[in-house]
């Protein structure tokens, strides 16, 4: 009988301690943070004009001033195999920039490859250089 009483006391104590522990697990109601990149590129440019490519990087609404990598990749439409990559300059305020100029008219497509907070995103834009038509 005495063993049963001690067993009951032990089980009750364990149950009481388990019920009183602090639950540090996330409740699942926290907002999911996303890596977002606003890729700013003019719609048109002249042949030979210097164009600024700009990526504004945020994570959960906060500026990312220390992205692991921001790189711009561009190519003439229909010729993605001949792309050119440019490393962006970190301006220290959540913006990353690079300058580029195009030596002939055409429609150019580009990605802003961005890696930060163990996430990667690559928004795509296009620019029309010279008097090229969007279908060229």
C-alpha atoms as a PDB file:
ATOM      1  CA  UNK A   1       0.000   0.000   0.000  1.00  0.00           C
ATOM      2  CA  UNK A   2       2.826   2.311   0.875  1.00  0.00           C
ATOM      3  CA  UNK A   3       4.333   1.867  -2.635  1.00  0.00           C
ATOM      4  CA  UNK A   4       1.028   2.878  -4.200  1.00  0.00           C
ATOM      5  CA  UNK A   5       0.888   6.079  -2.147  1.00  0.00           C
ATOM      6  CA  UNK A   6       4.435   7.045  -3.144  1.00  0.00           C
ATOM      7  CA  UNK A   7       3.713   6.213  -6.756  1.00  0.00           C
ATOM      8  CA  UNK A   8       0.569   8.365  -6.632  1.00  0.00           C
ATOM      9  CA  UNK A   9       2.494  11.267  -5.047  1.00  0.00           C
ATOM     10  CA  UNK A  10       5.261  10.983  -7.638  1.00  0.00           C
ATOM     11  CA  UNK A  11       2.847  10.931 -10.580  1.00  0.00           C
ATOM     12  CA  UNK A  12       0.894  13.866  -9.117  1.00  0.00           C
ATOM     13  CA  UNK A  13       4.082  15.892  -8.652  1.00  0.00           C
ATOM     14  CA  UNK A  14       5.184  15.226 -12.228  1.00  0.00           C
ATOM     15  CA  UNK A  15       1.756  16.192 -13.559  1.00  0.00           C
ATOM     16  CA  UNK A  16       1.761  19.369 -11.459  1.00  0.00           C
ATOM     17  CA  UNK A  17       5.245  20.369 -12.642  1.00  0.00           C
ATOM     18  CA  UNK A  18       4.388  19.638 -16.264  1.00  0.00           C
ATOM     19  CA  UNK A  19       1.271  21.803 -16.048  1.00  0.00           C
ATOM     20  CA  UNK A  20       3.203  24.710 -14.554  1.00  0.00           C
ATOM     21  CA  UNK A  21       6.070  24.836 -17.024  1.00  0.00           C
ATOM     22  CA  UNK A  22       6.522  27.924 -19.143  1.00  0.00           C
ATOM     23  CA  UNK A  23       5.567  27.297 -22.769  1.00  0.00           C
ATOM     24  CA  UNK A  24       8.138  29.155 -24.894  1.00  0.00           C
ATOM     25  CA  UNK A  25       6.962  27.692 -28.189  1.00  0.00           C
ATOM     26  CA  UNK A  26       5.563  30.075 -30.767  1.00  0.00           C
ATOM     27  CA  UNK A  27       1.810  30.058 -30.848  1.00  0.00           C
ATOM     28  CA  UNK A  28       1.690  30.099 -34.632  1.00  0.00           C
ATOM     29  CA  UNK A  29      -0.105  33.435 -34.723  1.00  0.00           C
ATOM     30  CA  UNK A  30       3.053  35.447 -35.399  1.00  0.00           C
ATOM     31  CA  UNK A  31       3.218  37.243 -38.722  1.00  0.00           C
ATOM     32  CA  UNK A  32       5.317  35.509 -41.348  1.00  0.00           C
ATOM     33  CA  UNK A  33       8.119  37.796 -42.471  1.00  0.00           C
ATOM     34  CA  UNK A  34       8.915  37.957 -46.158  1.00  0.00           C
ATOM     35  CA  UNK A  35      11.931  39.158 -48.078  1.00  0.00           C
ATOM     36  CA  UNK A  36      10.709  41.817 -50.482  1.00  0.00           C
ATOM     37  CA  UNK A  37      12.585  43.685 -53.196  1.00  0.00           C
ATOM     38  CA  UNK A  38      11.308  46.775 -54.946  1.00  0.00           C
ATOM     39  CA  UNK A  39      13.213  46.770 -58.222  1.00  0.00           C
ATOM     40  CA  UNK A  40      13.356  50.310 -59.637  1.00  0.00           C
ATOM     41  CA  UNK A  41      14.272  50.571 -63.320  1.00  0.00           C
ATOM     42  CA  UNK A  42      13.202  53.246 -65.814  1.00  0.00           C
ATOM     43  CA  UNK A  43      10.882  51.994 -68.560  1.00  0.00           C
ATOM     44  CA  UNK A  44      12.960  53.591 -71.329  1.00  0.00           C
ATOM     45  CA  UNK A  45      16.491  54.852 -71.937  1.00  0.00           C
ATOM     46  CA  UNK A  46      18.566  56.210 -74.800  1.00  0.00           C
ATOM     47  CA  UNK A  47      21.427  54.264 -76.357  1.00  0.00           C
ATOM     48  CA  UNK A  48      24.607  55.059 -74.380  1.00  0.00           C
ATOM     49  CA  UNK A  49      22.692  56.638 -71.468  1.00  0.00           C
ATOM     50  CA  UNK A  50      23.793  55.578 -67.985  1.00  0.00           C
ATOM     51  CA  UNK A  51      20.897  53.937 -66.170  1.00  0.00           C
ATOM     52  CA  UNK A  52      20.750  53.266 -62.439  1.00  0.00           C
ATOM     53  CA  UNK A  53      19.418  49.865 -61.403  1.00  0.00           C
ATOM     54  CA  UNK A  54      18.107  50.026 -57.844  1.00  0.00           C
ATOM     55  CA  UNK A  55      16.902  47.336 -55.439  1.00  0.00           C
ATOM     56  CA  UNK A  56      15.188  48.403 -52.214  1.00  0.00           C
ATOM     57  CA  UNK A  57      15.350  45.399 -49.882  1.00  0.00           C
ATOM     58  CA  UNK A  58      13.033  44.874 -46.902  1.00  0.00           C
ATOM     59  CA  UNK A  59      12.310  41.985 -44.557  1.00  0.00           C
ATOM     60  CA  UNK A  60       9.114  42.132 -42.546  1.00  0.00           C
ATOM     61  CA  UNK A  61       8.800  45.816 -43.424  1.00  0.00           C
ATOM     62  CA  UNK A  62      12.286  46.642 -42.095  1.00  0.00           C
ATOM     63  CA  UNK A  63      15.120  47.797 -44.362  1.00  0.00           C
ATOM     64  CA  UNK A  64      17.817  45.181 -44.928  1.00  0.00           C
ATOM     65  CA  UNK A  65      21.142  46.988 -44.674  1.00  0.00           C
ATOM     66  CA  UNK A  66      23.260  43.825 -44.745  1.00  0.00           C
ATOM     67  CA  UNK A  67      21.982  41.611 -47.568  1.00  0.00           C
ATOM     68  CA  UNK A  68      24.226  38.642 -48.277  1.00  0.00           C
ATOM     69  CA  UNK A  69      24.165  39.286 -52.017  1.00  0.00           C
ATOM     70  CA  UNK A  70      22.480  41.639 -54.473  1.00  0.00           C
ATOM     71  CA  UNK A  71      23.372  41.188 -58.106  1.00  0.00           C
ATOM     72  CA  UNK A  72      21.745  42.499 -61.266  1.00  0.00           C
ATOM     73  CA  UNK A  73      21.599  40.292 -64.353  1.00  0.00           C
ATOM     74  CA  UNK A  74      20.525  41.676 -67.728  1.00  0.00           C
ATOM     75  CA  UNK A  75      20.259  40.487 -71.329  1.00  0.00           C
ATOM     76  CA  UNK A  76      18.701  41.483 -74.610  1.00  0.00           C
ATOM     77  CA  UNK A  77      15.234  39.960 -74.910  1.00  0.00           C
ATOM     78  CA  UNK A  78      15.383  36.525 -76.534  1.00  0.00           C
ATOM     79  CA  UNK A  79      19.098  36.140 -75.751  1.00  0.00           C
ATOM     80  CA  UNK A  80      19.153  35.139 -72.075  1.00  0.00           C
ATOM     81  CA  UNK A  81      22.146  32.836 -72.628  1.00  0.00           C
ATOM     82  CA  UNK A  82      24.292  35.955 -73.178  1.00  0.00           C
ATOM     83  CA  UNK A  83      23.447  37.667 -69.906  1.00  0.00           C
ATOM     84  CA  UNK A  84      25.713  40.034 -67.987  1.00  0.00           C
ATOM     85  CA  UNK A  85      25.878  40.180 -64.181  1.00  0.00           C
ATOM     86  CA  UNK A  86      26.710  43.262 -62.119  1.00  0.00           C
ATOM     87  CA  UNK A  87      27.430  43.266 -58.397  1.00  0.00           C
ATOM     88  CA  UNK A  88      25.335  45.914 -56.643  1.00  0.00           C
ATOM     89  CA  UNK A  89      26.778  48.559 -54.342  1.00  0.00           C
ATOM     90  CA  UNK A  90      25.355  48.468 -50.803  1.00  0.00           C
ATOM     91  CA  UNK A  91      24.401  52.066 -49.980  1.00  0.00           C
ATOM     92  CA  UNK A  92      23.936  51.207 -46.283  1.00  0.00           C
ATOM     93  CA  UNK A  93      20.291  52.256 -46.142  1.00  0.00           C
ATOM     94  CA  UNK A  94      18.555  49.187 -47.561  1.00  0.00           C
ATOM     95  CA  UNK A  95      19.179  50.235 -51.159  1.00  0.00           C
ATOM     96  CA  UNK A  96      21.536  48.500 -53.559  1.00  0.00           C
ATOM     97  CA  UNK A  97      22.507  50.066 -56.893  1.00  0.00           C
ATOM     98  CA  UNK A  98      24.538  49.566 -60.046  1.00  0.00           C
ATOM     99  CA  UNK A  99      24.941  51.654 -63.184  1.00  0.00           C
ATOM    100  CA  UNK A 100      24.680  50.245 -66.685  1.00  0.00           C
ATOM    101  CA  UNK A 101      24.513  51.595 -70.225  1.00  0.00           C
ATOM    102  CA  UNK A 102      23.349  49.847 -73.371  1.00  0.00           C
ATOM    103  CA  UNK A 103      25.315  50.183 -76.625  1.00  0.00           C
ATOM    104  CA  UNK A 104      22.441  49.477 -79.017  1.00  0.00           C
ATOM    105  CA  UNK A 105      18.681  49.700 -79.139  1.00  0.00           C
ATOM    106  CA  UNK A 106      16.537  46.824 -78.002  1.00  0.00           C
ATOM    107  CA  UNK A 107      14.388  45.536 -75.195  1.00  0.00           C
ATOM    108  CA  UNK A 108      16.447  44.302 -72.263  1.00  0.00           C
ATOM    109  CA  UNK A 109      15.195  42.095 -69.440  1.00  0.00           C
ATOM    110  CA  UNK A 110      16.800  41.918 -66.035  1.00  0.00           C
ATOM    111  CA  UNK A 111      16.678  40.280 -62.621  1.00  0.00           C
ATOM    112  CA  UNK A 112      17.643  41.696 -59.251  1.00  0.00           C
ATOM    113  CA  UNK A 113      19.022  38.519 -57.623  1.00  0.00           C
ATOM    114  CA  UNK A 114      18.749  39.171 -53.887  1.00  0.00           C
ATOM    115  CA  UNK A 115      19.780  36.922 -50.997  1.00  0.00           C
ATOM    116  CA  UNK A 116      19.193  37.991 -47.379  1.00  0.00           C
ATOM    117  CA  UNK A 117      17.956  36.400 -44.151  1.00  0.00           C
ATOM    118  CA  UNK A 118      18.508  32.932 -45.687  1.00  0.00           C
ATOM    119  CA  UNK A 119      15.965  33.734 -48.438  1.00  0.00           C
ATOM    120  CA  UNK A 120      16.355  34.436 -52.158  1.00  0.00           C
ATOM    121  CA  UNK A 121      14.126  36.423 -54.475  1.00  0.00           C
ATOM    122  CA  UNK A 122      14.659  37.667 -58.007  1.00  0.00           C
ATOM    123  CA  UNK A 123      12.154  40.194 -59.307  1.00  0.00           C
ATOM    124  CA  UNK A 124      12.225  40.754 -63.061  1.00  0.00           C
ATOM    125  CA  UNK A 125      11.892  44.012 -65.023  1.00  0.00           C
ATOM    126  CA  UNK A 126      12.481  45.198 -68.568  1.00  0.00           C
ATOM    127  CA  UNK A 127      13.692  48.394 -70.208  1.00  0.00           C
ATOM    128  CA  UNK A 128      13.308  49.610 -73.778  1.00  0.00           C
ATOM    129  CA  UNK A 129      16.468  51.237 -75.144  1.00  0.00           C
ATOM    130  CA  UNK A 130      16.270  53.619 -78.078  1.00  0.00           C
ATOM    131  CA  UNK A 131      13.290  53.468 -80.392  1.00  0.00           C
ATOM    132  CA  UNK A 132      12.938  49.685 -80.104  1.00  0.00           C
ATOM    133  CA  UNK A 133       9.450  48.241 -79.953  1.00  0.00           C
ATOM    134  CA  UNK A 134       8.386  46.091 -77.008  1.00  0.00           C
ATOM    135  CA  UNK A 135       8.117  43.075 -79.329  1.00  0.00           C
ATOM    136  CA  UNK A 136      11.712  43.320 -80.604  1.00  0.00           C
END
